[in-house]
Amino acid sequence: MTVSWTLTRSGRLENEQIRTGLVVSGAFLGLLGFALPFFAQCRFRYPAINYGIGVPLAAVGLVGRVYPMIHLRRQGTTTALGEVEKLVDTGPYSWVRHPQYSFGFVLLCGWYVIWGAVYSLGMMPFIGGMIYVQALIEENGILEKRFGREYAAYSERVGMLIPRIGR
């Protein structure tokens, strides 16, 4: 997060090697998040909870994580911030501005519930905070600069990570 914020403030986020490094490090941290349940920790083993709640959460999270990428491709753009050509505010992006982050959080919650990983579930507020800060960095450092008033109007209508009710 700190590295992303520093790079965004310095204007170096336009450098392709730096963006690639950030993507690789983000992927590594994501894989580490999925590996957490395999480390020794307290566990709860209630199959009705582990599978009855965890599997649906993980399935919804996985679909919600992948579908926005498909939607962006159909709209003629990409998730790579350096290559975004137009602002997409339809499909999952009409519900929240960062559906991949929102559903990634749901996916991790489901994964940790499936494994009954108590310490990993305890990390969710920290992970949620990291997701929120990363979304802020992307919005303030890249998207607002690139799309200006159009993005400001979009962010007024649509919630960042949680849908706005009644708008």
C-alpha atoms as a PDB file:
ATOM      1  CA  MET A   1       0.000   0.000   0.000  1.00  0.00           C
ATOM      2  CA  THR A   2       2.703   2.453   0.987  1.00  0.00           C
ATOM      3  CA  VAL A   3       4.652   1.660  -2.168  1.00  0.00           C
ATOM      4  CA  SER A   4       1.535   2.186  -4.321  1.00  0.00           C
ATOM      5  CA  TRP A   5       0.787   5.489  -2.612  1.00  0.00           C
ATOM      6  CA  THR A   6       4.384   6.710  -2.981  1.00  0.00           C
ATOM      7  CA  LEU A   7       4.531   5.736  -6.660  1.00  0.00           C
ATOM      8  CA  THR A   8       1.177   7.369  -7.339  1.00  0.00           C
ATOM      9  CA  ARG A   9       2.265  10.616  -5.677  1.00  0.00           C
ATOM     10  CA  SER A  10       5.573  10.605  -7.558  1.00  0.00           C
ATOM     11  CA  GLY A  11       3.912  10.142 -10.948  1.00  0.00           C
ATOM     12  CA  ARG A  12       5.983   7.033 -11.662  1.00  0.00           C
ATOM     13  CA  LEU A  13       2.962   4.773 -11.920  1.00  0.00           C
ATOM     14  CA  GLU A  14       3.036   5.428 -15.651  1.00  0.00           C
ATOM     15  CA  ASN A  15       6.242   3.366 -15.834  1.00  0.00           C
ATOM     16  CA  GLU A  16       5.315  -0.081 -17.203  1.00  0.00           C
ATOM     17  CA  GLN A  17       8.022  -1.942 -15.247  1.00  0.00           C
ATOM     18  CA  ILE A  18       6.822  -0.428 -11.979  1.00  0.00           C
ATOM     19  CA  ARG A  19       3.178  -1.280 -12.738  1.00  0.00           C
ATOM     20  CA  THR A  20       4.192  -4.837 -13.626  1.00  0.00           C
ATOM     21  CA  GLY A  21       6.114  -5.111 -10.362  1.00  0.00           C
ATOM     22  CA  LEU A  22       3.067  -3.951  -8.443  1.00  0.00           C
ATOM     23  CA  VAL A  23       0.832  -6.457 -10.220  1.00  0.00           C
ATOM     24  CA  VAL A  24       3.261  -9.299  -9.490  1.00  0.00           C
ATOM     25  CA  SER A  25       3.590  -8.314  -5.829  1.00  0.00           C
ATOM     26  CA  GLY A  26      -0.209  -8.006  -5.554  1.00  0.00           C
ATOM     27  CA  ALA A  27      -0.610 -11.478  -7.055  1.00  0.00           C
ATOM     28  CA  PHE A  28       1.943 -12.836  -4.577  1.00  0.00           C
ATOM     29  CA  LEU A  29       0.088 -11.285  -1.637  1.00  0.00           C
ATOM     30  CA  GLY A  30      -3.187 -12.683  -3.003  1.00  0.00           C
ATOM     31  CA  LEU A  31      -1.691 -16.170  -3.170  1.00  0.00           C
ATOM     32  CA  LEU A  32      -0.351 -15.736   0.348  1.00  0.00           C
ATOM     33  CA  GLY A  33      -3.887 -14.841   1.464  1.00  0.00           C
ATOM     34  CA  PHE A  34      -5.151 -18.102  -0.005  1.00  0.00           C
ATOM     35  CA  ALA A  35      -2.299 -20.012   1.695  1.00  0.00           C
ATOM     36  CA  LEU A  36      -3.017 -18.661   5.202  1.00  0.00           C
ATOM     37  CA  PRO A  37      -5.409 -21.495   6.176  1.00  0.00           C
ATOM     38  CA  PHE A  38      -2.615 -24.012   5.617  1.00  0.00           C
ATOM     39  CA  PHE A  39      -0.549 -22.537   8.450  1.00  0.00           C
ATOM     40  CA  ALA A  40      -1.087 -23.853  11.989  1.00  0.00           C
ATOM     41  CA  GLN A  41      -3.968 -22.064  13.701  1.00  0.00           C
ATOM     42  CA  CYS A  42      -7.120 -22.659  15.707  1.00  0.00           C
ATOM     43  CA  ARG A  43      -9.904 -24.139  13.613  1.00  0.00           C
ATOM     44  CA  PHE A  44     -13.625 -24.552  13.917  1.00  0.00           C
ATOM     45  CA  ARG A  45     -15.011 -27.666  12.305  1.00  0.00           C
ATOM     46  CA  TYR A  46     -18.733 -27.478  11.766  1.00  0.00           C
ATOM     47  CA  PRO A  47     -19.471 -28.862   8.300  1.00  0.00           C
ATOM     48  CA  ALA A  48     -22.825 -27.032   8.130  1.00  0.00           C
ATOM     49  CA  ILE A  49     -20.988 -23.725   8.604  1.00  0.00           C
ATOM     50  CA  ASN A  50     -17.742 -24.614   6.810  1.00  0.00           C
ATOM     51  CA  TYR A  51     -19.475 -25.849   3.684  1.00  0.00           C
ATOM     52  CA  GLY A  52     -23.017 -24.485   3.965  1.00  0.00           C
ATOM     53  CA  ILE A  53     -21.805 -20.901   4.318  1.00  0.00           C
ATOM     54  CA  GLY A  54     -18.204 -21.027   3.076  1.00  0.00           C
ATOM     55  CA  VAL A  55     -18.797 -22.678  -0.303  1.00  0.00           C
ATOM     56  CA  PRO A  56     -21.611 -20.316  -1.404  1.00  0.00           C
ATOM     57  CA  LEU A  57     -19.562 -17.300  -0.259  1.00  0.00           C
ATOM     58  CA  ALA A  58     -16.500 -18.523  -2.145  1.00  0.00           C
ATOM     59  CA  ALA A  59     -18.540 -19.319  -5.272  1.00  0.00           C
ATOM     60  CA  VAL A  60     -20.220 -15.892  -5.303  1.00  0.00           C
ATOM     61  CA  GLY A  61     -16.841 -14.270  -4.666  1.00  0.00           C
ATOM     62  CA  LEU A  62     -15.166 -16.178  -7.497  1.00  0.00           C
ATOM     63  CA  VAL A  63     -17.878 -15.343 -10.036  1.00  0.00           C
ATOM     64  CA  GLY A  64     -17.950 -11.735  -8.844  1.00  0.00           C
ATOM     65  CA  ARG A  65     -14.185 -11.525  -9.138  1.00  0.00           C
ATOM     66  CA  VAL A  66     -14.030 -12.891 -12.699  1.00  0.00           C
ATOM     67  CA  TYR A  67     -17.185 -11.417 -14.271  1.00  0.00           C
ATOM     68  CA  PRO A  68     -16.012  -7.750 -14.095  1.00  0.00           C
ATOM     69  CA  MET A  69     -12.936  -8.651 -16.155  1.00  0.00           C
ATOM     70  CA  ILE A  70     -15.141 -10.264 -18.799  1.00  0.00           C
ATOM     71  CA  HIS A  71     -17.462  -7.248 -18.757  1.00  0.00           C
ATOM     72  CA  LEU A  72     -14.553  -4.829 -19.240  1.00  0.00           C
ATOM     73  CA  ARG A  73     -13.247  -6.834 -22.204  1.00  0.00           C
ATOM     74  CA  ARG A  74     -16.719  -6.731 -23.785  1.00  0.00           C
ATOM     75  CA  GLN A  75     -16.726  -2.956 -23.305  1.00  0.00           C
ATOM     76  CA  GLY A  76     -13.393  -2.669 -25.120  1.00  0.00           C
ATOM     77  CA  THR A  77     -11.157  -1.862 -22.169  1.00  0.00           C
ATOM     78  CA  THR A  78      -9.111  -3.651 -19.512  1.00  0.00           C
ATOM     79  CA  THR A  79      -8.419  -3.850 -15.780  1.00  0.00           C
ATOM     80  CA  ALA A  80      -4.831  -2.661 -16.298  1.00  0.00           C
ATOM     81  CA  LEU A  81      -4.975   0.906 -14.977  1.00  0.00           C
ATOM     82  CA  GLY A  82      -2.285   2.144 -17.324  1.00  0.00           C
ATOM     83  CA  GLU A  83      -4.267   0.965 -20.341  1.00  0.00           C
ATOM     84  CA  VAL A  84      -7.806   2.058 -19.426  1.00  0.00           C
ATOM     85  CA  GLU A  85      -9.275   3.888 -22.406  1.00  0.00           C
ATOM     86  CA  LYS A  86     -12.775   4.643 -21.178  1.00  0.00           C
ATOM     87  CA  LEU A  87     -14.783   4.758 -17.994  1.00  0.00           C
ATOM     88  CA  VAL A  88     -17.153   1.797 -17.702  1.00  0.00           C
ATOM     89  CA  ASP A  89     -20.178   2.370 -15.475  1.00  0.00           C
ATOM     90  CA  THR A  90     -22.407  -0.492 -16.606  1.00  0.00           C
ATOM     91  CA  GLY A  91     -22.801  -4.092 -15.441  1.00  0.00           C
ATOM     92  CA  PRO A  92     -21.048  -4.778 -12.129  1.00  0.00           C
ATOM     93  CA  TYR A  93     -19.512  -1.302 -12.304  1.00  0.00           C
ATOM     94  CA  SER A  94     -22.997   0.189 -11.913  1.00  0.00           C
ATOM     95  CA  TRP A  95     -23.212  -1.417  -8.451  1.00  0.00           C
ATOM     96  CA  VAL A  96     -19.734  -0.621  -7.073  1.00  0.00           C
ATOM     97  CA  ARG A  97     -16.670   1.119  -8.502  1.00  0.00           C
ATOM     98  CA  HIS A  98     -14.334  -1.752  -7.560  1.00  0.00           C
ATOM     99  CA  PRO A  99     -16.318  -4.994  -7.912  1.00  0.00           C
ATOM    100  CA  GLN A 100     -13.194  -7.137  -8.179  1.00  0.00           C
ATOM    101  CA  TYR A 101     -11.959  -5.912  -4.807  1.00  0.00           C
ATOM    102  CA  SER A 102     -15.398  -6.293  -3.209  1.00  0.00           C
ATOM    103  CA  PHE A 103     -15.901  -9.819  -4.464  1.00  0.00           C
ATOM    104  CA  GLY A 104     -12.274 -10.748  -3.780  1.00  0.00           C
ATOM    105  CA  PHE A 105     -12.980  -9.934  -0.129  1.00  0.00           C
ATOM    106  CA  VAL A 106     -16.097 -12.148  -0.245  1.00  0.00           C
ATOM    107  CA  LEU A 107     -14.070 -14.934  -1.882  1.00  0.00           C
ATOM    108  CA  LEU A 108     -11.423 -14.805   0.849  1.00  0.00           C
ATOM    109  CA  CYS A 109     -14.089 -14.826   3.585  1.00  0.00           C
ATOM    110  CA  GLY A 110     -15.652 -17.921   2.028  1.00  0.00           C
ATOM    111  CA  TRP A 111     -12.264 -19.599   1.660  1.00  0.00           C
ATOM    112  CA  TYR A 112     -11.398 -18.978   5.327  1.00  0.00           C
ATOM    113  CA  VAL A 113     -14.821 -20.227   6.475  1.00  0.00           C
ATOM    114  CA  ILE A 114     -14.434 -23.408   4.400  1.00  0.00           C
ATOM    115  CA  TRP A 115     -11.160 -24.123   6.172  1.00  0.00           C
ATOM    116  CA  GLY A 116     -12.469 -22.945   9.554  1.00  0.00           C
ATOM    117  CA  ALA A 117      -9.354 -20.798   9.829  1.00  0.00           C
ATOM    118  CA  VAL A 118      -9.929 -18.658  12.923  1.00  0.00           C
ATOM    119  CA  TYR A 119      -6.749 -16.538  12.738  1.00  0.00           C
ATOM    120  CA  SER A 120      -7.190 -16.003   9.017  1.00  0.00           C
ATOM    121  CA  LEU A 121     -10.756 -14.769   9.570  1.00  0.00           C
ATOM    122  CA  GLY A 122      -9.347 -12.449  12.199  1.00  0.00           C
ATOM    123  CA  MET A 123      -7.167 -10.903   9.491  1.00  0.00           C
ATOM    124  CA  MET A 124     -10.198  -9.835   7.442  1.00  0.00           C
ATOM    125  CA  PRO A 125     -10.446  -6.314   8.940  1.00  0.00           C
ATOM    126  CA  PHE A 126      -6.772  -5.772   8.056  1.00  0.00           C
ATOM    127  CA  ILE A 127      -7.281  -7.165   4.540  1.00  0.00           C
ATOM    128  CA  GLY A 128     -10.419  -5.021   4.139  1.00  0.00           C
ATOM    129  CA  GLY A 129      -8.421  -1.953   5.177  1.00  0.00           C
ATOM    130  CA  MET A 130      -5.713  -2.764   2.636  1.00  0.00           C
ATOM    131  CA  ILE A 131      -8.319  -3.164  -0.106  1.00  0.00           C
ATOM    132  CA  TYR A 132      -9.929   0.169   0.820  1.00  0.00           C
ATOM    133  CA  VAL A 133      -6.609   2.039   0.804  1.00  0.00           C
ATOM    134  CA  GLN A 134      -5.572   0.476  -2.519  1.00  0.00           C
ATOM    135  CA  ALA A 135      -8.916   1.490  -4.051  1.00  0.00           C
ATOM    136  CA  LEU A 136      -8.426   5.051  -2.758  1.00  0.00           C
ATOM    137  CA  ILE A 137      -4.937   5.179  -4.242  1.00  0.00           C
ATOM    138  CA  GLU A 138      -6.198   4.006  -7.628  1.00  0.00           C
ATOM    139  CA  GLU A 139      -9.056   6.496  -7.592  1.00  0.00           C
ATOM    140  CA  ASN A 140      -7.102   9.538  -6.414  1.00  0.00           C
ATOM    141  CA  GLY A 141      -3.874   8.802  -8.246  1.00  0.00           C
ATOM    142  CA  ILE A 142      -5.081   7.441 -11.550  1.00  0.00           C
ATOM    143  CA  LEU A 143      -8.798   7.400 -12.303  1.00  0.00           C
ATOM    144  CA  GLU A 144      -9.635  10.939 -11.162  1.00  0.00           C
ATOM    145  CA  LYS A 145      -6.668  12.302 -13.097  1.00  0.00           C
ATOM    146  CA  ARG A 146      -7.553  10.372 -16.229  1.00  0.00           C
ATOM    147  CA  PHE A 147     -11.344  10.913 -16.284  1.00  0.00           C
ATOM    148  CA  GLY A 148     -11.801  14.104 -14.225  1.00  0.00           C
ATOM    149  CA  ARG A 149     -15.393  15.293 -13.817  1.00  0.00           C
ATOM    150  CA  GLU A 150     -16.794  12.164 -15.431  1.00  0.00           C
ATOM    151  CA  TYR A 151     -15.207  10.052 -12.684  1.00  0.00           C
ATOM    152  CA  ALA A 152     -16.303  12.487  -9.966  1.00  0.00           C
ATOM    153  CA  ALA A 153     -19.928  12.190 -11.143  1.00  0.00           C
ATOM    154  CA  TYR A 154     -19.604   8.399 -11.292  1.00  0.00           C
ATOM    155  CA  SER A 155     -18.225   8.230  -7.757  1.00  0.00           C
ATOM    156  CA  GLU A 156     -21.152  10.340  -6.529  1.00  0.00           C
ATOM    157  CA  ARG A 157     -23.620   7.805  -7.972  1.00  0.00           C
ATOM    158  CA  VAL A 158     -21.863   4.528  -7.185  1.00  0.00           C
ATOM    159  CA  GLY A 159     -20.331   3.266  -3.941  1.00  0.00           C
ATOM    160  CA  MET A 160     -16.650   2.413  -3.811  1.00  0.00           C
ATOM    161  CA  LEU A 161     -16.770  -1.128  -2.398  1.00  0.00           C
ATOM    162  CA  ILE A 162     -20.329  -1.459  -1.068  1.00  0.00           C
ATOM    163  CA  PRO A 163     -23.411  -0.639  -3.171  1.00  0.00           C
ATOM    164  CA  ARG A 164     -25.261   2.524  -2.240  1.00  0.00           C
ATOM    165  CA  ILE A 165     -28.875   1.820  -1.382  1.00  0.00           C
ATOM    166  CA  GLY A 166     -31.470   4.238  -2.762  1.00  0.00           C
ATOM    167  CA  ARG A 167     -29.309   5.934  -5.404  1.00  0.00           C
END
